[in-house]
Amino acid sequence: MAIDNEKEAPPALSTGATHMLIELWGAKNLDDPAIAEDAIRKAIRAASATLLHLHVHKFCPGHGVSAIALLAESHITLHTWPERSYAAADIFVCGDSDPASAVPVLVEAFQPEKSDVRSFRRGVSIKPTR
């Protein structure tokens, strides 16, 4: 959107970005914040992404962990429900990062019986409007 006499800016995601959604069922190690942090850090390295900030929060005993990594390329989040043996993660990156390389790291850390990974290209259909 142009403001007053400013020129229309090109879309920020003109080359697109990848957003992966990962679901892990029958998973283990879901209530340990140290394992969650280690998994996220290893996933970031595997994806060739740049960590800006990482926050890991452990909920009350017997409950899960939530983690969010702010990346120069976007983010990685993780939410666990040990009472359901389930974890959900998302990896959203742009640029030369490789989010698919992070998935095996999360699978190794949480050892699910079943996993589901979905990948979406974001921002590729954004076109300037006038």
N, C-alpha and C. Protein backbone atom coordinates (compact mmCIF):
# COMPACT_ATOMS: atom_id res chain seq x y z
N MET A 1 0.84 -1.17 0.00
CA MET A 1 0.00 0.00 0.00
C MET A 1 0.89 1.23 0.00
N ALA A 2 0.66 2.12 -0.95
CA ALA A 2 1.44 3.36 -1.02
C ALA A 2 0.85 4.38 -0.06
N ILE A 3 1.72 5.15 0.55
CA ILE A 3 1.29 6.21 1.46
C ILE A 3 1.62 7.53 0.80
N ASP A 4 0.61 8.37 0.63
CA ASP A 4 0.76 9.66 -0.04
C ASP A 4 1.46 9.49 -1.39
N ASN A 5 2.62 10.11 -1.56
CA ASN A 5 3.32 10.07 -2.84
C ASN A 5 4.43 9.03 -2.89
N GLU A 6 4.49 8.12 -1.91
CA GLU A 6 5.53 7.10 -1.90
C GLU A 6 5.25 6.07 -2.98
N LYS A 7 6.30 5.47 -3.50
CA LYS A 7 6.15 4.42 -4.50
C LYS A 7 5.69 3.13 -3.83
N GLU A 8 5.01 2.31 -4.59
CA GLU A 8 4.57 1.00 -4.11
C GLU A 8 5.79 0.13 -3.84
N ALA A 9 5.86 -0.44 -2.64
CA ALA A 9 6.98 -1.32 -2.30
C ALA A 9 6.71 -2.72 -2.84
N PRO A 10 7.76 -3.41 -3.29
CA PRO A 10 7.57 -4.80 -3.74
C PRO A 10 7.21 -5.68 -2.54
N PRO A 11 6.55 -6.79 -2.78
CA PRO A 11 6.20 -7.67 -1.67
C PRO A 11 7.45 -8.14 -0.94
N ALA A 12 7.37 -8.20 0.39
CA ALA A 12 8.51 -8.63 1.20
C ALA A 12 8.86 -10.09 0.93
N LEU A 13 7.89 -10.89 0.55
CA LEU A 13 8.12 -12.32 0.34
C LEU A 13 8.09 -12.66 -1.14
N SER A 14 8.68 -11.81 -1.96
CA SER A 14 8.57 -12.02 -3.39
C SER A 14 9.14 -13.37 -3.84
N THR A 15 10.08 -13.93 -3.07
CA THR A 15 10.60 -15.25 -3.43
C THR A 15 9.93 -16.35 -2.63
N GLY A 16 9.03 -16.01 -1.76
CA GLY A 16 8.30 -16.99 -0.97
C GLY A 16 9.06 -17.45 0.25
N ALA A 17 8.36 -18.15 1.09
CA ALA A 17 8.93 -18.71 2.31
C ALA A 17 8.28 -20.08 2.52
N THR A 18 8.94 -20.93 3.29
CA THR A 18 8.41 -22.26 3.55
C THR A 18 7.92 -22.34 4.98
N HIS A 19 6.70 -22.86 5.15
CA HIS A 19 6.10 -23.05 6.47
C HIS A 19 5.77 -24.53 6.60
N MET A 20 6.43 -25.18 7.55
CA MET A 20 6.20 -26.60 7.77
C MET A 20 5.48 -26.81 9.09
N LEU A 21 4.48 -27.67 9.07
CA LEU A 21 3.73 -28.04 10.27
C LEU A 21 4.04 -29.50 10.56
N ILE A 22 4.48 -29.77 11.78
CA ILE A 22 4.91 -31.11 12.16
C ILE A 22 4.07 -31.58 13.33
N GLU A 23 3.48 -32.77 13.21
CA GLU A 23 2.72 -33.38 14.31
C GLU A 23 3.39 -34.69 14.67
N LEU A 24 3.58 -34.90 15.97
CA LEU A 24 4.23 -36.10 16.47
C LEU A 24 3.31 -36.80 17.45
N TRP A 25 2.89 -38.03 17.14
CA TRP A 25 1.99 -38.81 18.00
C TRP A 25 2.76 -39.96 18.63
N GLY A 26 2.40 -40.31 19.84
CA GLY A 26 3.11 -41.38 20.53
C GLY A 26 4.53 -40.97 20.85
N ALA A 27 4.72 -39.69 21.10
CA ALA A 27 6.06 -39.14 21.31
C ALA A 27 6.51 -39.29 22.76
N LYS A 28 7.83 -39.14 22.96
CA LYS A 28 8.45 -39.27 24.28
C LYS A 28 9.19 -37.97 24.61
N ASN A 29 9.67 -37.87 25.84
CA ASN A 29 10.50 -36.73 26.29
C ASN A 29 9.77 -35.39 26.21
N LEU A 30 8.46 -35.41 26.38
CA LEU A 30 7.66 -34.23 26.13
C LEU A 30 7.55 -33.27 27.30
N ASP A 31 8.03 -33.67 28.48
CA ASP A 31 7.90 -32.76 29.63
C ASP A 31 9.27 -32.26 30.11
N ASP A 32 10.28 -32.41 29.28
CA ASP A 32 11.64 -32.02 29.66
C ASP A 32 12.08 -30.78 28.88
N PRO A 33 12.16 -29.63 29.55
CA PRO A 33 12.53 -28.41 28.83
C PRO A 33 13.95 -28.45 28.27
N ALA A 34 14.86 -29.18 28.91
CA ALA A 34 16.23 -29.27 28.40
C ALA A 34 16.26 -30.01 27.06
N ILE A 35 15.47 -31.08 26.96
CA ILE A 35 15.40 -31.82 25.69
C ILE A 35 14.77 -30.95 24.62
N ALA A 36 13.72 -30.22 24.98
CA ALA A 36 13.06 -29.33 24.01
C ALA A 36 14.05 -28.26 23.51
N GLU A 37 14.77 -27.65 24.43
CA GLU A 37 15.73 -26.61 24.03
C GLU A 37 16.83 -27.19 23.14
N ASP A 38 17.37 -28.32 23.52
CA ASP A 38 18.42 -28.95 22.72
C ASP A 38 17.90 -29.30 21.32
N ALA A 39 16.69 -29.84 21.25
CA ALA A 39 16.10 -30.20 19.96
C ALA A 39 15.91 -28.97 19.07
N ILE A 40 15.42 -27.89 19.65
CA ILE A 40 15.22 -26.66 18.87
C ILE A 40 16.55 -26.12 18.37
N ARG A 41 17.55 -26.08 19.25
CA ARG A 41 18.87 -25.57 18.84
C ARG A 41 19.47 -26.43 17.72
N LYS A 42 19.35 -27.75 17.83
CA LYS A 42 19.86 -28.64 16.78
C LYS A 42 19.06 -28.47 15.49
N ALA A 43 17.75 -28.28 15.61
CA ALA A 43 16.91 -28.07 14.42
C ALA A 43 17.30 -26.78 13.70
N ILE A 44 17.58 -25.75 14.45
CA ILE A 44 18.00 -24.48 13.85
C ILE A 44 19.30 -24.67 13.07
N ARG A 45 20.26 -25.36 13.67
CA ARG A 45 21.53 -25.62 12.97
C ARG A 45 21.30 -26.47 11.72
N ALA A 46 20.46 -27.50 11.84
CA ALA A 46 20.19 -28.37 10.69
C ALA A 46 19.55 -27.59 9.55
N ALA A 47 18.71 -26.62 9.88
CA ALA A 47 18.02 -25.83 8.86
C ALA A 47 18.89 -24.69 8.31
N SER A 48 20.09 -24.54 8.85
CA SER A 48 20.98 -23.43 8.46
C SER A 48 20.31 -22.08 8.70
N ALA A 49 19.63 -21.98 9.83
CA ALA A 49 18.95 -20.74 10.20
C ALA A 49 19.77 -20.00 11.27
N THR A 50 19.34 -18.77 11.56
CA THR A 50 20.06 -17.89 12.48
C THR A 50 19.20 -17.59 13.69
N LEU A 51 19.62 -18.07 14.86
CA LEU A 51 18.87 -17.85 16.09
C LEU A 51 19.07 -16.42 16.59
N LEU A 52 17.95 -15.74 16.87
CA LEU A 52 18.00 -14.42 17.49
C LEU A 52 17.65 -14.51 18.98
N HIS A 53 16.64 -15.34 19.31
CA HIS A 53 16.21 -15.48 20.70
C HIS A 53 15.45 -16.80 20.84
N LEU A 54 15.66 -17.47 21.99
CA LEU A 54 14.95 -18.71 22.26
C LEU A 54 14.36 -18.63 23.66
N HIS A 55 13.09 -18.95 23.76
CA HIS A 55 12.43 -19.01 25.07
C HIS A 55 11.74 -20.36 25.19
N VAL A 56 12.01 -21.05 26.30
CA VAL A 56 11.39 -22.34 26.59
C VAL A 56 10.66 -22.21 27.91
N HIS A 57 9.40 -22.64 27.92
CA HIS A 57 8.59 -22.54 29.14
C HIS A 57 8.07 -23.93 29.51
N LYS A 58 8.34 -24.33 30.74
CA LYS A 58 7.82 -25.60 31.29
C LYS A 58 6.58 -25.29 32.10
N PHE A 59 5.49 -25.96 31.77
CA PHE A 59 4.26 -25.79 32.53
C PHE A 59 4.33 -26.64 33.80
N CYS A 60 3.33 -26.59 34.62
CA CYS A 60 3.36 -27.28 35.92
C CYS A 60 3.67 -28.77 35.72
N PRO A 61 4.13 -29.45 36.79
CA PRO A 61 4.52 -30.86 36.67
C PRO A 61 3.45 -31.72 36.00
N GLY A 62 3.93 -32.58 35.12
CA GLY A 62 3.02 -33.47 34.39
C GLY A 62 2.46 -32.86 33.13
N HIS A 63 2.74 -31.59 32.92
CA HIS A 63 2.27 -30.92 31.72
C HIS A 63 3.45 -30.64 30.80
N GLY A 64 3.19 -30.01 29.71
CA GLY A 64 4.18 -29.91 28.66
C GLY A 64 5.08 -28.71 28.68
N VAL A 65 5.68 -28.51 27.53
CA VAL A 65 6.66 -27.47 27.30
C VAL A 65 6.23 -26.71 26.05
N SER A 66 6.43 -25.41 26.07
CA SER A 66 6.29 -24.60 24.85
C SER A 66 7.61 -23.89 24.63
N ALA A 67 8.02 -23.84 23.39
CA ALA A 67 9.27 -23.17 23.03
C ALA A 67 9.05 -22.37 21.77
N ILE A 68 9.68 -21.21 21.73
CA ILE A 68 9.66 -20.42 20.51
C ILE A 68 11.05 -19.88 20.26
N ALA A 69 11.51 -20.10 19.04
CA ALA A 69 12.80 -19.58 18.60
C ALA A 69 12.53 -18.51 17.56
N LEU A 70 12.94 -17.31 17.86
CA LEU A 70 12.86 -16.22 16.90
C LEU A 70 14.11 -16.30 16.03
N LEU A 71 13.92 -16.41 14.75
CA LEU A 71 15.02 -16.56 13.81
C LEU A 71 15.13 -15.31 12.93
N ALA A 72 16.31 -15.06 12.43
CA ALA A 72 16.46 -14.00 11.44
C ALA A 72 15.59 -14.31 10.22
N GLU A 73 15.36 -15.60 9.98
CA GLU A 73 14.58 -16.05 8.83
C GLU A 73 13.09 -16.20 9.15
N SER A 74 12.67 -16.16 10.39
CA SER A 74 11.29 -16.19 10.88
C SER A 74 11.22 -16.86 12.25
N HIS A 75 10.71 -18.14 12.35
CA HIS A 75 10.57 -18.75 13.67
C HIS A 75 10.45 -20.28 13.61
N ILE A 76 10.67 -20.89 14.78
CA ILE A 76 10.34 -22.29 15.04
C ILE A 76 9.61 -22.32 16.37
N THR A 77 8.49 -23.03 16.42
CA THR A 77 7.78 -23.21 17.69
C THR A 77 7.58 -24.70 17.96
N LEU A 78 7.43 -24.99 19.25
CA LEU A 78 7.18 -26.36 19.69
C LEU A 78 6.22 -26.30 20.87
N HIS A 79 5.21 -27.14 20.85
CA HIS A 79 4.25 -27.26 21.96
C HIS A 79 4.05 -28.74 22.22
N THR A 80 4.14 -29.14 23.50
CA THR A 80 4.01 -30.56 23.82
C THR A 80 2.89 -30.80 24.81
N TRP A 81 2.27 -31.96 24.69
CA TRP A 81 1.22 -32.43 25.58
C TRP A 81 1.58 -33.85 26.02
N PRO A 82 2.40 -33.99 27.08
CA PRO A 82 2.82 -35.35 27.49
C PRO A 82 1.64 -36.22 27.90
N GLU A 83 0.59 -35.61 28.43
CA GLU A 83 -0.59 -36.40 28.83
C GLU A 83 -1.29 -37.03 27.63
N ARG A 84 -0.98 -36.56 26.43
CA ARG A 84 -1.54 -37.12 25.20
C ARG A 84 -0.45 -37.72 24.30
N SER A 85 0.79 -37.71 24.77
CA SER A 85 1.94 -38.20 23.99
C SER A 85 2.00 -37.53 22.62
N TYR A 86 1.75 -36.22 22.60
CA TYR A 86 1.63 -35.47 21.35
C TYR A 86 2.46 -34.19 21.40
N ALA A 87 3.05 -33.87 20.27
CA ALA A 87 3.76 -32.60 20.13
C ALA A 87 3.44 -32.00 18.76
N ALA A 88 3.40 -30.68 18.72
CA ALA A 88 3.19 -29.96 17.47
C ALA A 88 4.30 -28.93 17.34
N ALA A 89 4.85 -28.84 16.15
CA ALA A 89 5.90 -27.86 15.87
C ALA A 89 5.60 -27.18 14.56
N ASP A 90 6.12 -25.97 14.43
CA ASP A 90 6.08 -25.35 13.12
C ASP A 90 7.41 -24.66 12.86
N ILE A 91 7.79 -24.69 11.62
CA ILE A 91 9.04 -24.10 11.17
C ILE A 91 8.68 -23.20 10.00
N PHE A 92 8.96 -21.92 10.16
CA PHE A 92 8.63 -20.95 9.11
C PHE A 92 9.91 -20.19 8.79
N VAL A 93 10.42 -20.35 7.58
CA VAL A 93 11.67 -19.71 7.20
C VAL A 93 11.61 -19.17 5.78
N CYS A 94 12.43 -18.18 5.55
CA CYS A 94 12.60 -17.66 4.20
C CYS A 94 14.09 -17.72 3.86
N GLY A 95 14.43 -17.28 2.69
CA GLY A 95 15.83 -17.26 2.30
C GLY A 95 16.35 -18.65 1.97
N ASP A 96 17.63 -18.86 2.27
CA ASP A 96 18.30 -20.11 1.90
C ASP A 96 18.19 -21.19 2.96
N SER A 97 17.45 -20.95 4.02
CA SER A 97 17.29 -21.97 5.06
C SER A 97 16.58 -23.19 4.51
N ASP A 98 16.84 -24.34 5.13
CA ASP A 98 16.27 -25.61 4.69
C ASP A 98 15.45 -26.22 5.83
N PRO A 99 14.18 -25.87 5.96
CA PRO A 99 13.39 -26.35 7.09
C PRO A 99 13.20 -27.86 7.11
N ALA A 100 13.20 -28.50 5.95
CA ALA A 100 13.01 -29.95 5.91
C ALA A 100 14.14 -30.68 6.65
N SER A 101 15.32 -30.09 6.70
CA SER A 101 16.44 -30.71 7.40
C SER A 101 16.26 -30.69 8.91
N ALA A 102 15.38 -29.85 9.41
CA ALA A 102 15.13 -29.76 10.85
C ALA A 102 14.18 -30.85 11.33
N VAL A 103 13.36 -31.37 10.45
CA VAL A 103 12.33 -32.35 10.85
C VAL A 103 12.94 -33.62 11.45
N PRO A 104 13.94 -34.25 10.83
CA PRO A 104 14.51 -35.45 11.43
C PRO A 104 15.10 -35.21 12.82
N VAL A 105 15.58 -34.01 13.07
CA VAL A 105 16.12 -33.67 14.38
C VAL A 105 15.02 -33.73 15.44
N LEU A 106 13.85 -33.18 15.12
CA LEU A 106 12.72 -33.22 16.05
C LEU A 106 12.21 -34.64 16.24
N VAL A 107 12.17 -35.40 15.17
CA VAL A 107 11.74 -36.80 15.25
C VAL A 107 12.70 -37.59 16.14
N GLU A 108 13.98 -37.37 15.98
CA GLU A 108 14.97 -38.08 16.80
C GLU A 108 14.83 -37.72 18.28
N ALA A 109 14.60 -36.46 18.57
CA ALA A 109 14.51 -36.00 19.96
C ALA A 109 13.26 -36.54 20.67
N PHE A 110 12.15 -36.65 19.93
CA PHE A 110 10.87 -36.99 20.58
C PHE A 110 10.38 -38.39 20.23
N GLN A 111 11.06 -39.09 19.35
CA GLN A 111 10.82 -40.50 19.05
C GLN A 111 9.34 -40.88 18.92
N PRO A 112 8.61 -40.21 18.02
CA PRO A 112 7.19 -40.52 17.89
C PRO A 112 6.94 -41.88 17.23
N GLU A 113 5.79 -42.46 17.55
CA GLU A 113 5.36 -43.67 16.85
C GLU A 113 4.87 -43.31 15.45
N LYS A 114 4.33 -42.10 15.32
CA LYS A 114 3.78 -41.64 14.04
C LYS A 114 4.04 -40.14 13.93
N SER A 115 4.31 -39.70 12.71
CA SER A 115 4.49 -38.26 12.49
C SER A 115 3.79 -37.86 11.19
N ASP A 116 3.46 -36.60 11.12
CA ASP A 116 2.85 -36.04 9.93
C ASP A 116 3.51 -34.68 9.69
N VAL A 117 3.97 -34.46 8.46
CA VAL A 117 4.64 -33.21 8.11
C VAL A 117 3.95 -32.63 6.90
N ARG A 118 3.59 -31.37 7.00
CA ARG A 118 2.98 -30.67 5.87
C ARG A 118 3.79 -29.42 5.58
N SER A 119 3.96 -29.14 4.32
CA SER A 119 4.77 -28.00 3.91
C SER A 119 3.96 -27.08 3.01
N PHE A 120 4.09 -25.80 3.26
CA PHE A 120 3.37 -24.79 2.49
C PHE A 120 4.35 -23.72 2.02
N ARG A 121 4.16 -23.24 0.81
CA ARG A 121 4.92 -22.08 0.35
C ARG A 121 4.07 -20.87 0.67
N ARG A 122 4.65 -19.93 1.37
CA ARG A 122 3.93 -18.73 1.78
C ARG A 122 4.47 -17.53 1.02
N GLY A 123 3.58 -16.63 0.67
CA GLY A 123 3.99 -15.37 0.07
C GLY A 123 4.25 -15.40 -1.42
N VAL A 124 4.14 -16.54 -2.05
CA VAL A 124 4.45 -16.60 -3.48
C VAL A 124 3.36 -15.99 -4.34
N SER A 125 2.16 -15.90 -3.82
CA SER A 125 1.06 -15.35 -4.63
C SER A 125 0.79 -13.88 -4.33
N ILE A 126 1.60 -13.30 -3.45
CA ILE A 126 1.38 -11.88 -3.12
C ILE A 126 1.80 -11.03 -4.31
N LYS A 127 0.90 -10.21 -4.76
CA LYS A 127 1.19 -9.30 -5.86
C LYS A 127 0.78 -7.90 -5.43
N PRO A 128 1.56 -6.91 -5.82
CA PRO A 128 1.18 -5.53 -5.46
C PRO A 128 -0.20 -5.19 -6.02
N THR A 129 -0.98 -4.48 -5.24
CA THR A 129 -2.28 -4.00 -5.72
C THR A 129 -2.21 -2.48 -5.83
N ARG A 130 -3.04 -1.97 -6.67
CA ARG A 130 -3.06 -0.50 -6.85
C ARG A 130 -4.43 0.02 -6.51
